[in-house]
Amino acid sequence: MDNNRAEAERWYGQARFDLEAARSSVTAGNYEWACFQAQQAAEKALKALLLRQGKREFLSHSIHDLLRELQRFAPEFEDVSEARRLDEYYIPTRYPNGLPGTVLPHDFYSEKEALECIDLAASVLKLISQTLG
């Protein structure tokens, strides 16, 4: 279990860096990256807690799926269920063919969306920091 604890701390540490990178991307005007980085922060933080619980492999990148898995033993994660919306930013923020038409992700996403994504991810990280202790 000590290996899982150390690995969980690594994943949570990277989640914190990803959230900070999202904030930096907003400052730079790279809102599409901020949205994706926020999704990554939440995903890695959720996986950190699952690692701490003994899980060893992950097949999903879905915040929705990871939250559902966590809610089985930690019902308080229902409080951050709105973070499942971050799944909407996993692919279309990164690929020029991820959105309808010919619009590029860089021209599509707004500061408002980026800040909303950061808030969603921050709520997940806050709850997980309280849970990891």
N, C-alpha and C. Protein backbone atom coordinates (compact mmCIF):
# COMPACT_ATOMS: atom_id res chain seq x y z
N MET A 1 0.82 -1.20 0.00
CA MET A 1 0.00 0.00 0.00
C MET A 1 0.87 1.27 0.00
N ASP A 2 2.09 1.18 0.54
CA ASP A 2 2.97 2.34 0.53
C ASP A 2 3.31 2.79 -0.88
N ASN A 3 3.47 1.82 -1.81
CA ASN A 3 3.72 2.18 -3.20
C ASN A 3 2.54 2.96 -3.77
N ASN A 4 1.33 2.53 -3.43
CA ASN A 4 0.15 3.26 -3.91
C ASN A 4 0.10 4.66 -3.31
N ARG A 5 0.48 4.80 -2.06
CA ARG A 5 0.47 6.12 -1.43
C ARG A 5 1.44 7.05 -2.14
N ALA A 6 2.65 6.57 -2.41
CA ALA A 6 3.65 7.38 -3.09
C ALA A 6 3.19 7.73 -4.50
N GLU A 7 2.61 6.77 -5.19
CA GLU A 7 2.14 7.03 -6.56
C GLU A 7 0.97 8.01 -6.54
N ALA A 8 0.10 7.88 -5.57
CA ALA A 8 -1.02 8.82 -5.43
C ALA A 8 -0.51 10.24 -5.22
N GLU A 9 0.51 10.38 -4.41
CA GLU A 9 1.08 11.71 -4.17
C GLU A 9 1.69 12.28 -5.44
N ARG A 10 2.31 11.42 -6.26
CA ARG A 10 2.88 11.88 -7.54
C ARG A 10 1.77 12.39 -8.46
N TRP A 11 0.70 11.62 -8.57
CA TRP A 11 -0.42 12.01 -9.44
C TRP A 11 -1.08 13.30 -8.94
N TYR A 12 -1.27 13.40 -7.64
CA TYR A 12 -1.89 14.61 -7.10
C TYR A 12 -0.96 15.81 -7.28
N GLY A 13 0.33 15.60 -7.09
CA GLY A 13 1.28 16.69 -7.32
C GLY A 13 1.23 17.21 -8.74
N GLN A 14 1.15 16.30 -9.71
CA GLN A 14 1.05 16.73 -11.11
C GLN A 14 -0.28 17.42 -11.37
N ALA A 15 -1.33 16.96 -10.72
CA ALA A 15 -2.64 17.61 -10.87
C ALA A 15 -2.56 19.08 -10.43
N ARG A 16 -1.87 19.33 -9.34
CA ARG A 16 -1.71 20.71 -8.86
C ARG A 16 -0.94 21.55 -9.87
N PHE A 17 0.13 20.98 -10.46
CA PHE A 17 0.89 21.71 -11.48
C PHE A 17 0.02 21.97 -12.72
N ASP A 18 -0.79 20.98 -13.11
CA ASP A 18 -1.67 21.16 -14.27
C ASP A 18 -2.68 22.29 -14.03
N LEU A 19 -3.20 22.37 -12.81
CA LEU A 19 -4.15 23.44 -12.50
C LEU A 19 -3.46 24.80 -12.56
N GLU A 20 -2.25 24.87 -12.07
CA GLU A 20 -1.50 26.13 -12.16
C GLU A 20 -1.18 26.47 -13.62
N ALA A 21 -0.87 25.46 -14.42
CA ALA A 21 -0.61 25.69 -15.85
C ALA A 21 -1.87 26.23 -16.52
N ALA A 22 -3.03 25.74 -16.12
CA ALA A 22 -4.29 26.24 -16.68
C ALA A 22 -4.45 27.73 -16.38
N ARG A 23 -4.12 28.11 -15.18
CA ARG A 23 -4.21 29.54 -14.82
C ARG A 23 -3.23 30.37 -15.66
N SER A 24 -2.05 29.85 -15.87
CA SER A 24 -1.06 30.55 -16.71
C SER A 24 -1.54 30.65 -18.15
N SER A 25 -2.20 29.60 -18.64
CA SER A 25 -2.72 29.63 -20.01
C SER A 25 -3.79 30.70 -20.17
N VAL A 26 -4.61 30.90 -19.15
CA VAL A 26 -5.61 31.98 -19.21
C VAL A 26 -4.90 33.32 -19.33
N THR A 27 -3.89 33.52 -18.53
CA THR A 27 -3.14 34.78 -18.57
C THR A 27 -2.55 35.02 -19.96
N ALA A 28 -2.11 33.94 -20.60
CA ALA A 28 -1.50 34.04 -21.93
C ALA A 28 -2.54 34.12 -23.05
N GLY A 29 -3.82 33.95 -22.71
CA GLY A 29 -4.88 33.99 -23.73
C GLY A 29 -5.07 32.68 -24.46
N ASN A 30 -4.51 31.61 -23.95
CA ASN A 30 -4.65 30.28 -24.55
C ASN A 30 -5.78 29.53 -23.83
N TYR A 31 -6.99 29.96 -24.11
CA TYR A 31 -8.14 29.46 -23.37
C TYR A 31 -8.42 27.99 -23.64
N GLU A 32 -8.15 27.55 -24.86
CA GLU A 32 -8.38 26.14 -25.18
C GLU A 32 -7.46 25.26 -24.34
N TRP A 33 -6.22 25.68 -24.17
CA TRP A 33 -5.28 24.91 -23.35
C TRP A 33 -5.67 24.97 -21.89
N ALA A 34 -6.15 26.10 -21.44
CA ALA A 34 -6.59 26.22 -20.05
C ALA A 34 -7.72 25.23 -19.76
N CYS A 35 -8.65 25.12 -20.69
CA CYS A 35 -9.75 24.16 -20.52
C CYS A 35 -9.22 22.73 -20.44
N PHE A 36 -8.33 22.39 -21.36
CA PHE A 36 -7.76 21.03 -21.37
C PHE A 36 -6.93 20.78 -20.12
N GLN A 37 -6.12 21.74 -19.73
CA GLN A 37 -5.28 21.55 -18.54
C GLN A 37 -6.12 21.41 -17.28
N ALA A 38 -7.24 22.11 -17.22
CA ALA A 38 -8.15 21.94 -16.08
C ALA A 38 -8.73 20.53 -16.07
N GLN A 39 -9.11 20.03 -17.24
CA GLN A 39 -9.61 18.66 -17.33
C GLN A 39 -8.54 17.69 -16.85
N GLN A 40 -7.30 17.91 -17.28
CA GLN A 40 -6.20 17.03 -16.89
C GLN A 40 -5.96 17.09 -15.38
N ALA A 41 -6.05 18.26 -14.80
CA ALA A 41 -5.86 18.41 -13.35
C ALA A 41 -6.89 17.59 -12.59
N ALA A 42 -8.14 17.71 -13.00
CA ALA A 42 -9.20 16.95 -12.31
C ALA A 42 -9.02 15.45 -12.51
N GLU A 43 -8.71 15.04 -13.73
CA GLU A 43 -8.52 13.61 -14.02
C GLU A 43 -7.40 13.03 -13.16
N LYS A 44 -6.27 13.70 -13.12
CA LYS A 44 -5.13 13.18 -12.37
C LYS A 44 -5.40 13.18 -10.87
N ALA A 45 -6.10 14.18 -10.38
CA ALA A 45 -6.43 14.22 -8.96
C ALA A 45 -7.37 13.07 -8.59
N LEU A 46 -8.37 12.82 -9.42
CA LEU A 46 -9.29 11.71 -9.15
C LEU A 46 -8.55 10.38 -9.19
N LYS A 47 -7.67 10.24 -10.15
CA LYS A 47 -6.88 9.00 -10.23
C LYS A 47 -5.96 8.86 -9.03
N ALA A 48 -5.46 9.97 -8.50
CA ALA A 48 -4.63 9.92 -7.29
C ALA A 48 -5.39 9.28 -6.14
N LEU A 49 -6.63 9.70 -5.96
CA LEU A 49 -7.42 9.14 -4.86
C LEU A 49 -7.73 7.67 -5.11
N LEU A 50 -8.02 7.32 -6.35
CA LEU A 50 -8.27 5.91 -6.66
C LEU A 50 -7.01 5.08 -6.43
N LEU A 51 -5.85 5.61 -6.76
CA LEU A 51 -4.59 4.92 -6.47
C LEU A 51 -4.44 4.71 -4.96
N ARG A 52 -4.76 5.73 -4.21
CA ARG A 52 -4.67 5.65 -2.75
C ARG A 52 -5.58 4.56 -2.20
N GLN A 53 -6.68 4.31 -2.91
CA GLN A 53 -7.62 3.27 -2.49
C GLN A 53 -7.22 1.88 -2.98
N GLY A 54 -6.11 1.79 -3.71
CA GLY A 54 -5.61 0.49 -4.14
C GLY A 54 -5.77 0.17 -5.61
N LYS A 55 -6.40 1.04 -6.37
CA LYS A 55 -6.56 0.80 -7.81
C LYS A 55 -5.19 0.90 -8.48
N ARG A 56 -4.96 0.05 -9.46
CA ARG A 56 -3.65 0.00 -10.10
C ARG A 56 -3.66 0.40 -11.57
N GLU A 57 -4.79 0.26 -12.26
CA GLU A 57 -4.87 0.56 -13.69
C GLU A 57 -6.11 1.39 -13.98
N PHE A 58 -5.98 2.22 -15.02
CA PHE A 58 -7.09 3.06 -15.43
C PHE A 58 -7.32 2.89 -16.93
N LEU A 59 -8.57 2.71 -17.30
CA LEU A 59 -8.90 2.59 -18.71
C LEU A 59 -9.62 3.83 -19.23
N SER A 60 -10.00 4.70 -18.33
CA SER A 60 -10.83 5.85 -18.71
C SER A 60 -10.11 7.16 -18.44
N HIS A 61 -10.41 8.15 -19.27
CA HIS A 61 -9.99 9.53 -19.03
C HIS A 61 -11.19 10.38 -18.64
N SER A 62 -12.32 9.75 -18.47
CA SER A 62 -13.58 10.45 -18.23
C SER A 62 -13.74 10.86 -16.77
N ILE A 63 -13.91 12.14 -16.56
CA ILE A 63 -14.17 12.66 -15.21
C ILE A 63 -15.48 12.04 -14.70
N HIS A 64 -16.47 11.95 -15.55
CA HIS A 64 -17.76 11.35 -15.17
C HIS A 64 -17.56 9.94 -14.64
N ASP A 65 -16.83 9.12 -15.37
CA ASP A 65 -16.61 7.73 -14.96
C ASP A 65 -15.79 7.64 -13.67
N LEU A 66 -14.76 8.46 -13.56
CA LEU A 66 -13.92 8.43 -12.36
C LEU A 66 -14.71 8.89 -11.14
N LEU A 67 -15.53 9.91 -11.30
CA LEU A 67 -16.37 10.36 -10.19
C LEU A 67 -17.35 9.28 -9.76
N ARG A 68 -17.96 8.61 -10.72
CA ARG A 68 -18.90 7.53 -10.38
C ARG A 68 -18.20 6.41 -9.61
N GLU A 69 -16.99 6.09 -10.03
CA GLU A 69 -16.23 5.06 -9.33
C GLU A 69 -15.92 5.49 -7.89
N LEU A 70 -15.53 6.73 -7.72
CA LEU A 70 -15.21 7.23 -6.38
C LEU A 70 -16.45 7.33 -5.50
N GLN A 71 -17.59 7.66 -6.09
CA GLN A 71 -18.81 7.83 -5.30
C GLN A 71 -19.27 6.53 -4.66
N ARG A 72 -18.77 5.41 -5.16
CA ARG A 72 -19.14 4.12 -4.56
C ARG A 72 -18.64 4.01 -3.12
N PHE A 73 -17.49 4.58 -2.83
CA PHE A 73 -16.96 4.50 -1.46
C PHE A 73 -16.81 5.87 -0.80
N ALA A 74 -17.03 6.93 -1.56
CA ALA A 74 -16.91 8.28 -1.01
C ALA A 74 -18.07 9.13 -1.54
N PRO A 75 -19.23 9.02 -0.93
CA PRO A 75 -20.43 9.71 -1.45
C PRO A 75 -20.28 11.24 -1.51
N GLU A 76 -19.35 11.80 -0.77
CA GLU A 76 -19.17 13.26 -0.81
C GLU A 76 -18.73 13.76 -2.18
N PHE A 77 -18.29 12.86 -3.06
CA PHE A 77 -17.89 13.28 -4.40
C PHE A 77 -19.10 13.64 -5.27
N GLU A 78 -20.28 13.37 -4.78
CA GLU A 78 -21.50 13.86 -5.44
C GLU A 78 -21.49 15.39 -5.44
N ASP A 79 -20.86 15.98 -4.43
CA ASP A 79 -20.80 17.44 -4.31
C ASP A 79 -20.04 18.11 -5.45
N VAL A 80 -19.16 17.37 -6.12
CA VAL A 80 -18.39 17.93 -7.24
C VAL A 80 -18.78 17.27 -8.56
N SER A 81 -19.97 16.70 -8.61
CA SER A 81 -20.40 15.98 -9.82
C SER A 81 -20.48 16.88 -11.04
N GLU A 82 -20.64 18.18 -10.83
CA GLU A 82 -20.69 19.12 -11.96
C GLU A 82 -19.37 19.12 -12.74
N ALA A 83 -18.30 18.67 -12.11
CA ALA A 83 -16.99 18.60 -12.77
C ALA A 83 -17.00 17.64 -13.95
N ARG A 84 -18.01 16.80 -14.04
CA ARG A 84 -18.12 15.89 -15.19
C ARG A 84 -18.17 16.67 -16.51
N ARG A 85 -18.56 17.93 -16.44
CA ARG A 85 -18.60 18.78 -17.65
C ARG A 85 -17.22 18.93 -18.27
N LEU A 86 -16.17 18.71 -17.50
CA LEU A 86 -14.82 18.81 -18.04
C LEU A 86 -14.56 17.79 -19.14
N ASP A 87 -15.33 16.72 -19.18
CA ASP A 87 -15.19 15.74 -20.26
C ASP A 87 -15.40 16.38 -21.64
N GLU A 88 -16.18 17.44 -21.67
CA GLU A 88 -16.46 18.13 -22.94
C GLU A 88 -15.22 18.81 -23.52
N TYR A 89 -14.17 18.94 -22.72
CA TYR A 89 -12.97 19.67 -23.13
C TYR A 89 -11.78 18.76 -23.38
N TYR A 90 -11.98 17.46 -23.32
CA TYR A 90 -10.87 16.52 -23.45
C TYR A 90 -10.32 16.45 -24.88
N ILE A 91 -11.17 16.38 -25.87
CA ILE A 91 -10.70 16.25 -27.26
C ILE A 91 -10.83 17.54 -28.06
N PRO A 92 -11.98 18.21 -28.06
CA PRO A 92 -12.13 19.35 -28.98
C PRO A 92 -11.21 20.53 -28.71
N THR A 93 -10.66 20.61 -27.51
CA THR A 93 -9.73 21.71 -27.21
C THR A 93 -8.38 21.51 -27.86
N ARG A 94 -8.09 20.30 -28.33
CA ARG A 94 -6.74 19.98 -28.79
C ARG A 94 -6.59 19.77 -30.29
N TYR A 95 -7.68 19.48 -30.98
CA TYR A 95 -7.55 19.08 -32.38
C TYR A 95 -8.31 20.01 -33.30
N PRO A 96 -7.72 20.37 -34.44
CA PRO A 96 -8.40 21.28 -35.38
C PRO A 96 -9.66 20.67 -35.98
N ASN A 97 -9.82 19.36 -35.92
CA ASN A 97 -11.05 18.73 -36.42
C ASN A 97 -11.96 18.29 -35.27
N GLY A 98 -11.71 18.78 -34.09
CA GLY A 98 -12.51 18.39 -32.93
C GLY A 98 -13.80 19.17 -32.76
N LEU A 99 -13.96 20.22 -33.54
CA LEU A 99 -15.15 21.07 -33.46
C LEU A 99 -15.85 21.07 -34.81
N PRO A 100 -17.14 21.33 -34.84
CA PRO A 100 -17.84 21.41 -36.13
C PRO A 100 -17.30 22.55 -36.98
N GLY A 101 -17.33 22.36 -38.26
CA GLY A 101 -16.89 23.40 -39.19
C GLY A 101 -15.37 23.52 -39.24
N THR A 102 -14.91 24.71 -39.54
CA THR A 102 -13.48 24.92 -39.74
C THR A 102 -12.84 25.76 -38.63
N VAL A 103 -13.60 26.07 -37.59
CA VAL A 103 -13.06 26.89 -36.51
C VAL A 103 -11.98 26.12 -35.75
N LEU A 104 -10.92 26.83 -35.39
CA LEU A 104 -9.85 26.24 -34.60
C LEU A 104 -10.17 26.34 -33.11
N PRO A 105 -9.72 25.40 -32.32
CA PRO A 105 -9.95 25.49 -30.88
C PRO A 105 -9.46 26.81 -30.29
N HIS A 106 -8.34 27.30 -30.77
CA HIS A 106 -7.80 28.56 -30.23
C HIS A 106 -8.78 29.73 -30.42
N ASP A 107 -9.54 29.70 -31.48
CA ASP A 107 -10.49 30.78 -31.77
C ASP A 107 -11.88 30.53 -31.20
N PHE A 108 -12.10 29.35 -30.67
CA PHE A 108 -13.44 28.96 -30.24
C PHE A 108 -13.69 29.20 -28.75
N TYR A 109 -12.73 28.85 -27.92
CA TYR A 109 -12.94 28.89 -26.47
C TYR A 109 -12.67 30.28 -25.92
N SER A 110 -13.41 30.64 -24.87
CA SER A 110 -13.34 31.97 -24.29
C SER A 110 -12.71 31.95 -22.90
N GLU A 111 -12.34 33.11 -22.45
CA GLU A 111 -11.81 33.24 -21.09
C GLU A 111 -12.83 32.76 -20.07
N LYS A 112 -14.10 33.10 -20.30
CA LYS A 112 -15.15 32.68 -19.37
C LYS A 112 -15.19 31.16 -19.24
N GLU A 113 -15.14 30.45 -20.37
CA GLU A 113 -15.15 28.99 -20.32
C GLU A 113 -13.91 28.46 -19.60
N ALA A 114 -12.77 29.05 -19.89
CA ALA A 114 -11.53 28.60 -19.25
C ALA A 114 -11.60 28.77 -17.74
N LEU A 115 -12.11 29.91 -17.30
CA LEU A 115 -12.23 30.14 -15.86
C LEU A 115 -13.24 29.21 -15.21
N GLU A 116 -14.32 28.88 -15.93
CA GLU A 116 -15.29 27.91 -15.41
C GLU A 116 -14.64 26.53 -15.27
N CYS A 117 -13.84 26.14 -16.25
CA CYS A 117 -13.15 24.85 -16.18
C CYS A 117 -12.19 24.82 -15.01
N ILE A 118 -11.47 25.90 -14.81
CA ILE A 118 -10.53 25.99 -13.69
C ILE A 118 -11.27 25.88 -12.36
N ASP A 119 -12.41 26.54 -12.25
CA ASP A 119 -13.20 26.45 -11.02
C ASP A 119 -13.68 25.02 -10.76
N LEU A 120 -14.12 24.34 -11.81
CA LEU A 120 -14.57 22.95 -11.66
C LEU A 120 -13.42 22.06 -11.20
N ALA A 121 -12.27 22.21 -11.83
CA ALA A 121 -11.11 21.40 -11.45
C ALA A 121 -10.66 21.74 -10.03
N ALA A 122 -10.66 23.01 -9.69
CA ALA A 122 -10.23 23.42 -8.35
C ALA A 122 -11.14 22.82 -7.28
N SER A 123 -12.43 22.70 -7.56
CA SER A 123 -13.34 22.11 -6.58
C SER A 123 -13.00 20.62 -6.36
N VAL A 124 -12.61 19.94 -7.41
CA VAL A 124 -12.21 18.53 -7.29
C VAL A 124 -10.92 18.43 -6.48
N LEU A 125 -9.93 19.24 -6.82
CA LEU A 125 -8.65 19.18 -6.11
C LEU A 125 -8.81 19.54 -4.63
N LYS A 126 -9.67 20.49 -4.34
CA LYS A 126 -9.90 20.87 -2.94
C LYS A 126 -10.47 19.71 -2.15
N LEU A 127 -11.47 19.05 -2.69
CA LEU A 127 -12.09 17.91 -2.00
C LEU A 127 -11.08 16.78 -1.83
N ILE A 128 -10.29 16.54 -2.86
CA ILE A 128 -9.31 15.45 -2.79
C ILE A 128 -8.21 15.78 -1.79
N SER A 129 -7.80 17.03 -1.71
CA SER A 129 -6.76 17.38 -0.72
C SER A 129 -7.27 17.13 0.69
N GLN A 130 -8.55 17.37 0.93
CA GLN A 130 -9.14 17.09 2.23
C GLN A 130 -9.23 15.59 2.49
N THR A 131 -9.46 14.82 1.43
CA THR A 131 -9.61 13.37 1.55
C THR A 131 -8.26 12.68 1.73
N LEU A 132 -7.25 13.16 0.97
CA LEU A 132 -5.93 12.55 1.05
C LEU A 132 -5.25 12.86 2.38
N GLY A 133 -5.63 13.98 2.97
CA GLY A 133 -5.07 14.37 4.26
C GLY A 133 -3.71 14.73 4.21
